[in-house]
Amino acid sequence: MKVRKLVTSCENGDCPTLYATDRGTLLVQGETPPDHGLAVPAHETLVEIPIELIRKAIRDQLI
């Protein structure tokens, strides 16, 4: 899979980031939220990102 960085909330690579893949999907880098209370299947996960990251991606017409 080829991955391309779309937008990030910092420049050091250790913070919430959106990536596009060559498969027409998005990858999300963020923190795993504790105590979310949701039933998530073992093969899936949740990540938490700032809403401003999505706004920036839309504003910059990246997604």
PDB file of N, CA and C in Angstrom:
ATOM      1  N   MET A   1       0.838  -1.165   0.000  1.00  0.00           N
ATOM      2  CA  MET A   1       0.000   0.000   0.000  1.00  0.00           C
ATOM      3  C   MET A   1       0.894   1.242   0.000  1.00  0.00           C
ATOM      4  N   LYS A   2       0.581   2.201  -0.858  1.00  0.00           N
ATOM      5  CA  LYS A   2       1.286   3.477  -0.857  1.00  0.00           C
ATOM      6  C   LYS A   2       0.476   4.475  -0.045  1.00  0.00           C
ATOM      7  N   VAL A   3       1.174   5.250   0.792  1.00  0.00           N
ATOM      8  CA  VAL A   3       0.525   6.190   1.707  1.00  0.00           C
ATOM      9  C   VAL A   3       1.110   7.587   1.470  1.00  0.00           C
ATOM     10  N   ARG A   4       0.210   8.581   1.451  1.00  0.00           N
ATOM     11  CA  ARG A   4       0.622   9.973   1.267  1.00  0.00           C
ATOM     12  C   ARG A   4       0.021  10.824   2.379  1.00  0.00           C
ATOM     13  N   LYS A   5       0.850  11.612   3.029  1.00  0.00           N
ATOM     14  CA  LYS A   5       0.366  12.482   4.105  1.00  0.00           C
ATOM     15  C   LYS A   5      -0.480  13.596   3.500  1.00  0.00           C
ATOM     16  N   LEU A   6      -1.685  13.782   4.039  1.00  0.00           N
ATOM     17  CA  LEU A   6      -2.557  14.854   3.581  1.00  0.00           C
ATOM     18  C   LEU A   6      -2.424  16.094   4.450  1.00  0.00           C
ATOM     19  N   VAL A   7      -2.616  15.901   5.754  1.00  0.00           N
ATOM     20  CA  VAL A   7      -2.611  17.038   6.675  1.00  0.00           C
ATOM     21  C   VAL A   7      -2.253  16.531   8.065  1.00  0.00           C
ATOM     22  N   THR A   8      -1.573  17.379   8.825  1.00  0.00           N
ATOM     23  CA  THR A   8      -1.170  17.012  10.173  1.00  0.00           C
ATOM     24  C   THR A   8      -1.370  18.209  11.090  1.00  0.00           C
ATOM     25  N   SER A   9      -1.399  17.960  12.374  1.00  0.00           N
ATOM     26  CA  SER A   9      -1.561  19.062  13.320  1.00  0.00           C
ATOM     27  C   SER A   9      -0.215  19.547  13.861  1.00  0.00           C
ATOM     28  N   CYS A  10       0.888  18.953  13.403  1.00  0.00           N
ATOM     29  CA  CYS A  10       2.226  19.423  13.753  1.00  0.00           C
ATOM     30  C   CYS A  10       3.211  18.920  12.708  1.00  0.00           C
ATOM     31  N   GLU A  11       4.437  19.294  12.828  1.00  0.00           N
ATOM     32  CA  GLU A  11       5.431  18.922  11.819  1.00  0.00           C
ATOM     33  C   GLU A  11       6.395  17.828  12.265  1.00  0.00           C
ATOM     34  N   ASN A  12       6.345  17.395  13.525  1.00  0.00           N
ATOM     35  CA  ASN A  12       7.322  16.402  13.987  1.00  0.00           C
ATOM     36  C   ASN A  12       6.887  14.958  13.756  1.00  0.00           C
ATOM     37  N   GLY A  13       5.681  14.743  13.181  1.00  0.00           N
ATOM     38  CA  GLY A  13       5.232  13.401  12.855  1.00  0.00           C
ATOM     39  C   GLY A  13       4.705  12.594  14.022  1.00  0.00           C
ATOM     40  N   ASP A  14       4.593  13.214  15.165  1.00  0.00           N
ATOM     41  CA  ASP A  14       4.152  12.503  16.364  1.00  0.00           C
ATOM     42  C   ASP A  14       2.840  13.087  16.880  1.00  0.00           C
ATOM     43  N   CYS A  15       1.903  13.342  15.953  1.00  0.00           N
ATOM     44  CA  CYS A  15       0.627  13.941  16.341  1.00  0.00           C
ATOM     45  C   CYS A  15      -0.451  13.540  15.332  1.00  0.00           C
ATOM     46  N   PRO A  16      -1.702  13.891  15.577  1.00  0.00           N
ATOM     47  CA  PRO A  16      -2.777  13.496  14.672  1.00  0.00           C
ATOM     48  C   PRO A  16      -2.497  13.882  13.222  1.00  0.00           C
ATOM     49  N   THR A  17      -2.703  12.906  12.327  1.00  0.00           N
ATOM     50  CA  THR A  17      -2.410  13.084  10.910  1.00  0.00           C
ATOM     51  C   THR A  17      -3.413  12.292  10.082  1.00  0.00           C
ATOM     52  N   LEU A  18      -3.777  12.830   8.908  1.00  0.00           N
ATOM     53  CA  LEU A  18      -4.593  12.109   7.932  1.00  0.00           C
ATOM     54  C   LEU A  18      -3.710  11.734   6.751  1.00  0.00           C
ATOM     55  N   TYR A  19      -3.850  10.503   6.289  1.00  0.00           N
ATOM     56  CA  TYR A  19      -3.107  10.000   5.138  1.00  0.00           C
ATOM     57  C   TYR A  19      -4.092   9.467   4.109  1.00  0.00           C
ATOM     58  N   ALA A  20      -3.742   9.563   2.834  1.00  0.00           N
ATOM     59  CA  ALA A  20      -4.505   8.941   1.755  1.00  0.00           C
ATOM     60  C   ALA A  20      -3.716   7.731   1.268  1.00  0.00           C
ATOM     61  N   THR A  21      -4.430   6.687   0.869  1.00  0.00           N
ATOM     62  CA  THR A  21      -3.768   5.500   0.339  1.00  0.00           C
ATOM     63  C   THR A  21      -4.048   5.369  -1.160  1.00  0.00           C
ATOM     64  N   ASP A  22      -3.293   4.535  -1.814  1.00  0.00           N
ATOM     65  CA  ASP A  22      -3.522   4.265  -3.235  1.00  0.00           C
ATOM     66  C   ASP A  22      -4.710   3.330  -3.440  1.00  0.00           C
ATOM     67  N   ARG A  23      -5.378   2.962  -2.360  1.00  0.00           N
ATOM     68  CA  ARG A  23      -6.573   2.103  -2.444  1.00  0.00           C
ATOM     69  C   ARG A  23      -7.855   2.916  -2.323  1.00  0.00           C
ATOM     70  N   GLY A  24      -7.720   4.261  -2.309  1.00  0.00           N
ATOM     71  CA  GLY A  24      -8.895   5.120  -2.194  1.00  0.00           C
ATOM     72  C   GLY A  24      -9.448   5.187  -0.781  1.00  0.00           C
ATOM     73  N   THR A  25      -8.579   4.978   0.211  1.00  0.00           N
ATOM     74  CA  THR A  25      -8.996   5.022   1.610  1.00  0.00           C
ATOM     75  C   THR A  25      -8.159   6.050   2.363  1.00  0.00           C
ATOM     76  N   LEU A  26      -8.580   6.349   3.589  1.00  0.00           N
ATOM     77  CA  LEU A  26      -7.850   7.245   4.466  1.00  0.00           C
ATOM     78  C   LEU A  26      -7.325   6.476   5.661  1.00  0.00           C
ATOM     79  N   LEU A  27      -6.148   6.848   6.128  1.00  0.00           N
ATOM     80  CA  LEU A  27      -5.600   6.343   7.379  1.00  0.00           C
ATOM     81  C   LEU A  27      -5.577   7.508   8.359  1.00  0.00           C
ATOM     82  N   VAL A  28      -5.870   7.238   9.616  1.00  0.00           N
ATOM     83  CA  VAL A  28      -5.905   8.275  10.634  1.00  0.00           C
ATOM     84  C   VAL A  28      -4.924   7.919  11.734  1.00  0.00           C
ATOM     85  N   GLN A  29      -4.036   8.847  12.042  1.00  0.00           N
ATOM     86  CA  GLN A  29      -3.121   8.691  13.173  1.00  0.00           C
ATOM     87  C   GLN A  29      -3.633   9.576  14.291  1.00  0.00           C
ATOM     88  N   GLY A  30      -3.815   8.994  15.454  1.00  0.00           N
ATOM     89  CA  GLY A  30      -4.277   9.749  16.609  1.00  0.00           C
ATOM     90  C   GLY A  30      -4.091   8.922  17.865  1.00  0.00           C
ATOM     91  N   GLU A  31      -4.617   9.417  18.945  1.00  0.00           N
ATOM     92  CA  GLU A  31      -4.509   8.713  20.216  1.00  0.00           C
ATOM     93  C   GLU A  31      -5.678   7.754  20.406  1.00  0.00           C
ATOM     94  N   THR A  32      -5.419   6.644  21.058  1.00  0.00           N
ATOM     95  CA  THR A  32      -6.485   5.715  21.416  1.00  0.00           C
ATOM     96  C   THR A  32      -7.193   6.262  22.649  1.00  0.00           C
ATOM     97  N   PRO A  33      -8.482   6.576  22.525  1.00  0.00           N
ATOM     98  CA  PRO A  33      -9.184   7.160  23.665  1.00  0.00           C
ATOM     99  C   PRO A  33      -9.474   6.106  24.739  1.00  0.00           C
ATOM    100  N   PRO A  34      -9.178   6.410  25.984  1.00  0.00           N
ATOM    101  CA  PRO A  34      -9.485   5.470  27.064  1.00  0.00           C
ATOM    102  C   PRO A  34     -10.950   5.589  27.473  1.00  0.00           C
ATOM    103  N   ASP A  35     -11.481   4.521  27.992  1.00  0.00           N
ATOM    104  CA  ASP A  35     -12.822   4.540  28.596  1.00  0.00           C
ATOM    105  C   ASP A  35     -13.891   5.137  27.694  1.00  0.00           C
ATOM    106  N   HIS A  36     -13.923   4.720  26.420  1.00  0.00           N
ATOM    107  CA  HIS A  36     -14.918   5.257  25.506  1.00  0.00           C
ATOM    108  C   HIS A  36     -16.274   4.582  25.652  1.00  0.00           C
ATOM    109  N   GLY A  37     -16.311   3.419  26.232  1.00  0.00           N
ATOM    110  CA  GLY A  37     -17.578   2.741  26.493  1.00  0.00           C
ATOM    111  C   GLY A  37     -18.244   2.127  25.273  1.00  0.00           C
ATOM    112  N   LEU A  38     -17.565   2.045  24.155  1.00  0.00           N
ATOM    113  CA  LEU A  38     -18.133   1.478  22.936  1.00  0.00           C
ATOM    114  C   LEU A  38     -17.689   0.034  22.750  1.00  0.00           C
ATOM    115  N   ALA A  39     -18.520  -0.749  22.095  1.00  0.00           N
ATOM    116  CA  ALA A  39     -18.178  -2.136  21.770  1.00  0.00           C
ATOM    117  C   ALA A  39     -17.520  -2.135  20.385  1.00  0.00           C
ATOM    118  N   VAL A  40     -16.208  -2.264  20.356  1.00  0.00           N
ATOM    119  CA  VAL A  40     -15.454  -2.226  19.104  1.00  0.00           C
ATOM    120  C   VAL A  40     -14.921  -3.624  18.826  1.00  0.00           C
ATOM    121  N   PRO A  41     -15.174  -4.170  17.618  1.00  0.00           N
ATOM    122  CA  PRO A  41     -14.667  -5.500  17.293  1.00  0.00           C
ATOM    123  C   PRO A  41     -13.144  -5.566  17.424  1.00  0.00           C
ATOM    124  N   ALA A  42     -12.627  -6.739  17.698  1.00  0.00           N
ATOM    125  CA  ALA A  42     -11.193  -6.934  17.931  1.00  0.00           C
ATOM    126  C   ALA A  42     -10.344  -6.515  16.730  1.00  0.00           C
ATOM    127  N   HIS A  43     -10.887  -6.604  15.514  1.00  0.00           N
ATOM    128  CA  HIS A  43     -10.113  -6.259  14.319  1.00  0.00           C
ATOM    129  C   HIS A  43     -10.186  -4.762  13.967  1.00  0.00           C
ATOM    130  N   GLU A  44     -10.863  -3.964  14.794  1.00  0.00           N
ATOM    131  CA  GLU A  44     -10.982  -2.528  14.572  1.00  0.00           C
ATOM    132  C   GLU A  44     -10.456  -1.773  15.787  1.00  0.00           C
ATOM    133  N   THR A  45     -10.249  -0.476  15.622  1.00  0.00           N
ATOM    134  CA  THR A  45      -9.814   0.356  16.733  1.00  0.00           C
ATOM    135  C   THR A  45     -10.421   1.739  16.595  1.00  0.00           C
ATOM    136  N   LEU A  46     -10.365   2.509  17.629  1.00  0.00           N
ATOM    137  CA  LEU A  46     -10.797   3.898  17.609  1.00  0.00           C
ATOM    138  C   LEU A  46      -9.576   4.783  17.804  1.00  0.00           C
ATOM    139  N   VAL A  47      -9.554   5.911  17.110  1.00  0.00           N
ATOM    140  CA  VAL A  47      -8.533   6.920  17.364  1.00  0.00           C
ATOM    141  C   VAL A  47      -9.239   8.260  17.500  1.00  0.00           C
ATOM    142  N   GLU A  48      -8.658   9.126  18.280  1.00  0.00           N
ATOM    143  CA  GLU A  48      -9.222  10.445  18.514  1.00  0.00           C
ATOM    144  C   GLU A  48      -8.318  11.491  17.868  1.00  0.00           C
ATOM    145  N   ILE A  49      -8.935  12.373  17.070  1.00  0.00           N
ATOM    146  CA  ILE A  49      -8.192  13.449  16.420  1.00  0.00           C
ATOM    147  C   ILE A  49      -8.946  14.755  16.634  1.00  0.00           C
ATOM    148  N   PRO A  50      -8.256  15.882  16.557  1.00  0.00           N
ATOM    149  CA  PRO A  50      -8.937  17.164  16.689  1.00  0.00           C
ATOM    150  C   PRO A  50      -9.817  17.437  15.462  1.00  0.00           C
ATOM    151  N   ILE A  51     -10.998  17.975  15.669  1.00  0.00           N
ATOM    152  CA  ILE A  51     -11.890  18.289  14.552  1.00  0.00           C
ATOM    153  C   ILE A  51     -11.248  19.298  13.607  1.00  0.00           C
ATOM    154  N   GLU A  52     -10.363  20.131  14.127  1.00  0.00           N
ATOM    155  CA  GLU A  52      -9.682  21.116  13.285  1.00  0.00           C
ATOM    156  C   GLU A  52      -8.850  20.440  12.191  1.00  0.00           C
ATOM    157  N   LEU A  53      -8.388  19.227  12.426  1.00  0.00           N
ATOM    158  CA  LEU A  53      -7.633  18.496  11.409  1.00  0.00           C
ATOM    159  C   LEU A  53      -8.521  18.203  10.196  1.00  0.00           C
ATOM    160  N   ILE A  54      -9.757  17.806  10.423  1.00  0.00           N
ATOM    161  CA  ILE A  54     -10.704  17.552   9.331  1.00  0.00           C
ATOM    162  C   ILE A  54     -11.059  18.864   8.640  1.00  0.00           C
ATOM    163  N   ARG A  55     -11.300  19.900   9.428  1.00  0.00           N
ATOM    164  CA  ARG A  55     -11.620  21.211   8.836  1.00  0.00           C
ATOM    165  C   ARG A  55     -10.486  21.692   7.927  1.00  0.00           C
ATOM    166  N   LYS A  56      -9.247  21.514   8.384  1.00  0.00           N
ATOM    167  CA  LYS A  56      -8.090  21.935   7.588  1.00  0.00           C
ATOM    168  C   LYS A  56      -8.001  21.139   6.294  1.00  0.00           C
ATOM    169  N   ALA A  57      -8.248  19.842   6.366  1.00  0.00           N
ATOM    170  CA  ALA A  57      -8.202  18.993   5.162  1.00  0.00           C
ATOM    171  C   ALA A  57      -9.271  19.413   4.162  1.00  0.00           C
ATOM    172  N   ILE A  58     -10.449  19.746   4.643  1.00  0.00           N
ATOM    173  CA  ILE A  58     -11.541  20.192   3.753  1.00  0.00           C
ATOM    174  C   ILE A  58     -11.218  21.576   3.196  1.00  0.00           C
ATOM    175  N   ARG A  59     -10.770  22.479   4.046  1.00  0.00           N
ATOM    176  CA  ARG A  59     -10.429  23.845   3.643  1.00  0.00           C
ATOM    177  C   ARG A  59      -9.340  23.831   2.556  1.00  0.00           C
ATOM    178  N   ASP A  60      -8.358  22.949   2.714  1.00  0.00           N
ATOM    179  CA  ASP A  60      -7.270  22.828   1.751  1.00  0.00           C
ATOM    180  C   ASP A  60      -7.626  21.926   0.572  1.00  0.00           C
ATOM    181  N   GLN A  61      -8.895  21.479   0.528  1.00  0.00           N
ATOM    182  CA  GLN A  61      -9.428  20.621  -0.529  1.00  0.00           C
ATOM    183  C   GLN A  61      -8.620  19.350  -0.728  1.00  0.00           C
ATOM    184  N   LEU A  62      -8.225  18.742   0.392  1.00  0.00           N
ATOM    185  CA  LEU A  62      -7.447  17.502   0.362  1.00  0.00           C
ATOM    186  C   LEU A  62      -8.352  16.268   0.358  1.00  0.00           C
ATOM    187  N   ILE A  63      -9.566  16.413   0.899  1.00  0.00           N
ATOM    188  CA  ILE A  63     -10.537  15.313   0.884  1.00  0.00           C
ATOM    189  C   ILE A  63     -11.876  15.832   0.427  1.00  0.00           C
TER     190      ILE A  63
END
